């Protein structure tokens, strides 16, 4: 069976294969879920809090992709030449602005 090994604070520090939970006193059945860094409180897994970088990474990737769309020279020249193109650029800028507001500082 798989078992989580907990530290003194109830944080999962390792997951190992054992025949019985009696092998070590700090083992709990891993079938409850969880992974390294999560806590186990009263038999329930509490996920570890995400770091600022983990939260911001997908947002920054989305911003980079939108900025790449707006930087293509031919597309930009064509975009500002028409009303629809100007509206497209404004919408693109608004998306980027709104995404930047969601970044964790």
C-alpha atoms as a PDB file:
ATOM      1  CA  UNK A   1       0.000   0.000   0.000  1.00  0.00           C
ATOM      2  CA  UNK A   2       1.082   3.598  -0.472  1.00  0.00           C
ATOM      3  CA  UNK A   3       1.524   5.676   2.654  1.00  0.00           C
ATOM      4  CA  UNK A   4       2.321   9.320   3.291  1.00  0.00           C
ATOM      5  CA  UNK A   5       5.037  10.059   5.805  1.00  0.00           C
ATOM      6  CA  UNK A   6       4.212  13.171   7.843  1.00  0.00           C
ATOM      7  CA  UNK A   7       6.472  15.571   9.717  1.00  0.00           C
ATOM      8  CA  UNK A   8       5.671  16.788  13.241  1.00  0.00           C
ATOM      9  CA  UNK A   9       3.327  19.454  11.840  1.00  0.00           C
ATOM     10  CA  UNK A  10       1.295  16.981   9.765  1.00  0.00           C
ATOM     11  CA  UNK A  11       2.876  17.990   6.450  1.00  0.00           C
ATOM     12  CA  UNK A  12       3.454  15.246   3.878  1.00  0.00           C
ATOM     13  CA  UNK A  13       7.204  14.874   3.416  1.00  0.00           C
ATOM     14  CA  UNK A  14       7.283  11.633   1.439  1.00  0.00           C
ATOM     15  CA  UNK A  15       5.095   8.896  -0.022  1.00  0.00           C
ATOM     16  CA  UNK A  16       6.364   5.339   0.255  1.00  0.00           C
ATOM     17  CA  UNK A  17       5.190   1.780  -0.358  1.00  0.00           C
ATOM     18  CA  UNK A  18       4.686  -0.272   2.816  1.00  0.00           C
ATOM     19  CA  UNK A  19       2.963  -3.478   3.811  1.00  0.00           C
ATOM     20  CA  UNK A  20       1.379  -1.863   6.856  1.00  0.00           C
ATOM     21  CA  UNK A  21       0.937   1.596   8.359  1.00  0.00           C
ATOM     22  CA  UNK A  22       2.522   0.227  11.532  1.00  0.00           C
ATOM     23  CA  UNK A  23       6.005   0.389   9.962  1.00  0.00           C
ATOM     24  CA  UNK A  24       6.472   4.006  11.100  1.00  0.00           C
ATOM     25  CA  UNK A  25       4.387   6.020  13.551  1.00  0.00           C
ATOM     26  CA  UNK A  26       4.080   8.989  11.177  1.00  0.00           C
ATOM     27  CA  UNK A  27       2.351   7.164   8.293  1.00  0.00           C
ATOM     28  CA  UNK A  28      -1.155   7.681   6.947  1.00  0.00           C
ATOM     29  CA  UNK A  29      -2.876   5.854   4.108  1.00  0.00           C
ATOM     30  CA  UNK A  30      -2.071   7.699   0.864  1.00  0.00           C
ATOM     31  CA  UNK A  31      -5.429   6.757  -0.663  1.00  0.00           C
ATOM     32  CA  UNK A  32      -6.791   9.946   0.970  1.00  0.00           C
ATOM     33  CA  UNK A  33      -4.923  11.854  -1.744  1.00  0.00           C
ATOM     34  CA  UNK A  34      -2.412  14.629  -1.339  1.00  0.00           C
ATOM     35  CA  UNK A  35       1.175  15.170  -2.287  1.00  0.00           C
ATOM     36  CA  UNK A  36       4.409  16.451  -0.793  1.00  0.00           C
ATOM     37  CA  UNK A  37       3.848  19.756   0.981  1.00  0.00           C
ATOM     38  CA  UNK A  38       0.133  19.200   1.644  1.00  0.00           C
ATOM     39  CA  UNK A  39      -1.055  18.864   5.238  1.00  0.00           C
ATOM     40  CA  UNK A  40      -3.138  16.101   6.786  1.00  0.00           C
ATOM     41  CA  UNK A  41      -5.516  17.294   9.503  1.00  0.00           C
ATOM     42  CA  UNK A  42      -7.942  14.865  11.139  1.00  0.00           C
ATOM     43  CA  UNK A  43      -7.576  12.490   8.197  1.00  0.00           C
ATOM     44  CA  UNK A  44      -8.301  15.146   5.573  1.00  0.00           C
ATOM     45  CA  UNK A  45      -5.798  16.546   3.086  1.00  0.00           C
ATOM     46  CA  UNK A  46      -5.353  20.302   3.000  1.00  0.00           C
ATOM     47  CA  UNK A  47      -3.471  21.381  -0.136  1.00  0.00           C
ATOM     48  CA  UNK A  48      -0.365  23.461   0.326  1.00  0.00           C
ATOM     49  CA  UNK A  49      -0.890  27.122  -0.499  1.00  0.00           C
ATOM     50  CA  UNK A  50       0.264  28.135  -3.954  1.00  0.00           C
ATOM     51  CA  UNK A  51       3.247  30.443  -4.179  1.00  0.00           C
ATOM     52  CA  UNK A  52       3.039  33.802  -5.897  1.00  0.00           C
ATOM     53  CA  UNK A  53       5.053  32.404  -8.814  1.00  0.00           C
ATOM     54  CA  UNK A  54       2.749  29.375  -9.181  1.00  0.00           C
ATOM     55  CA  UNK A  55      -0.289  31.656  -9.300  1.00  0.00           C
ATOM     56  CA  UNK A  56       1.263  34.166 -11.699  1.00  0.00           C
ATOM     57  CA  UNK A  57       2.887  31.727 -14.173  1.00  0.00           C
ATOM     58  CA  UNK A  58      -0.228  30.887 -16.243  1.00  0.00           C
ATOM     59  CA  UNK A  59      -1.346  34.536 -16.203  1.00  0.00           C
ATOM     60  CA  UNK A  60       2.066  35.715 -17.438  1.00  0.00           C
ATOM     61  CA  UNK A  61       1.999  33.067 -20.172  1.00  0.00           C
ATOM     62  CA  UNK A  62      -1.410  34.296 -21.315  1.00  0.00           C
ATOM     63  CA  UNK A  63      -0.180  37.914 -21.334  1.00  0.00           C
ATOM     64  CA  UNK A  64       2.896  36.937 -23.357  1.00  0.00           C
ATOM     65  CA  UNK A  65       0.731  35.167 -25.932  1.00  0.00           C
ATOM     66  CA  UNK A  66      -1.580  38.180 -26.290  1.00  0.00           C
ATOM     67  CA  UNK A  67       1.367  40.554 -26.573  1.00  0.00           C
ATOM     68  CA  UNK A  68       2.853  38.326 -29.282  1.00  0.00           C
ATOM     69  CA  UNK A  69      -0.404  38.591 -31.249  1.00  0.00           C
ATOM     70  CA  UNK A  70      -0.266  42.376 -31.051  1.00  0.00           C
ATOM     71  CA  UNK A  71       3.406  42.625 -32.027  1.00  0.00           C
ATOM     72  CA  UNK A  72       3.247  40.968 -35.427  1.00  0.00           C
ATOM     73  CA  UNK A  73       4.209  43.927 -37.668  1.00  0.00           C
ATOM     74  CA  UNK A  74       2.028  43.134 -40.677  1.00  0.00           C
ATOM     75  CA  UNK A  75      -0.970  42.421 -38.498  1.00  0.00           C
ATOM     76  CA  UNK A  76      -0.489  45.633 -36.520  1.00  0.00           C
ATOM     77  CA  UNK A  77      -0.237  47.765 -39.694  1.00  0.00           C
ATOM     78  CA  UNK A  78      -3.377  46.123 -41.079  1.00  0.00           C
ATOM     79  CA  UNK A  79      -5.148  46.407 -37.746  1.00  0.00           C
ATOM     80  CA  UNK A  80      -4.766  50.144 -37.307  1.00  0.00           C
ATOM     81  CA  UNK A  81      -5.753  50.771 -40.926  1.00  0.00           C
ATOM     82  CA  UNK A  82      -9.393  49.857 -40.261  1.00  0.00           C
ATOM     83  CA  UNK A  83     -11.925  50.634 -37.564  1.00  0.00           C
ATOM     84  CA  UNK A  84     -12.364  46.938 -36.869  1.00  0.00           C
ATOM     85  CA  UNK A  85      -8.593  46.611 -36.535  1.00  0.00           C
ATOM     86  CA  UNK A  86      -8.399  49.503 -34.079  1.00  0.00           C
ATOM     87  CA  UNK A  87     -11.177  47.919 -32.024  1.00  0.00           C
ATOM     88  CA  UNK A  88      -9.289  44.615 -32.124  1.00  0.00           C
ATOM     89  CA  UNK A  89      -6.146  46.312 -30.777  1.00  0.00           C
ATOM     90  CA  UNK A  90      -8.148  48.084 -28.060  1.00  0.00           C
ATOM     91  CA  UNK A  91      -9.744  44.792 -27.025  1.00  0.00           C
ATOM     92  CA  UNK A  92      -6.329  43.114 -26.986  1.00  0.00           C
ATOM     93  CA  UNK A  93      -4.896  45.888 -24.802  1.00  0.00           C
ATOM     94  CA  UNK A  94      -7.899  45.635 -22.472  1.00  0.00           C
ATOM     95  CA  UNK A  95      -7.395  41.871 -22.079  1.00  0.00           C
ATOM     96  CA  UNK A  96      -3.737  42.393 -21.217  1.00  0.00           C
ATOM     97  CA  UNK A  97      -4.594  45.199 -18.784  1.00  0.00           C
ATOM     98  CA  UNK A  98      -7.206  43.051 -17.020  1.00  0.00           C
ATOM     99  CA  UNK A  99      -4.846  40.077 -16.802  1.00  0.00           C
ATOM    100  CA  UNK A 100      -2.115  42.271 -15.288  1.00  0.00           C
ATOM    101  CA  UNK A 101      -4.584  43.342 -12.585  1.00  0.00           C
ATOM    102  CA  UNK A 102      -4.983  39.691 -11.529  1.00  0.00           C
ATOM    103  CA  UNK A 103      -1.252  39.174 -10.919  1.00  0.00           C
ATOM    104  CA  UNK A 104      -0.321  38.578  -7.289  1.00  0.00           C
ATOM    105  CA  UNK A 105       2.181  41.117  -6.052  1.00  0.00           C
END
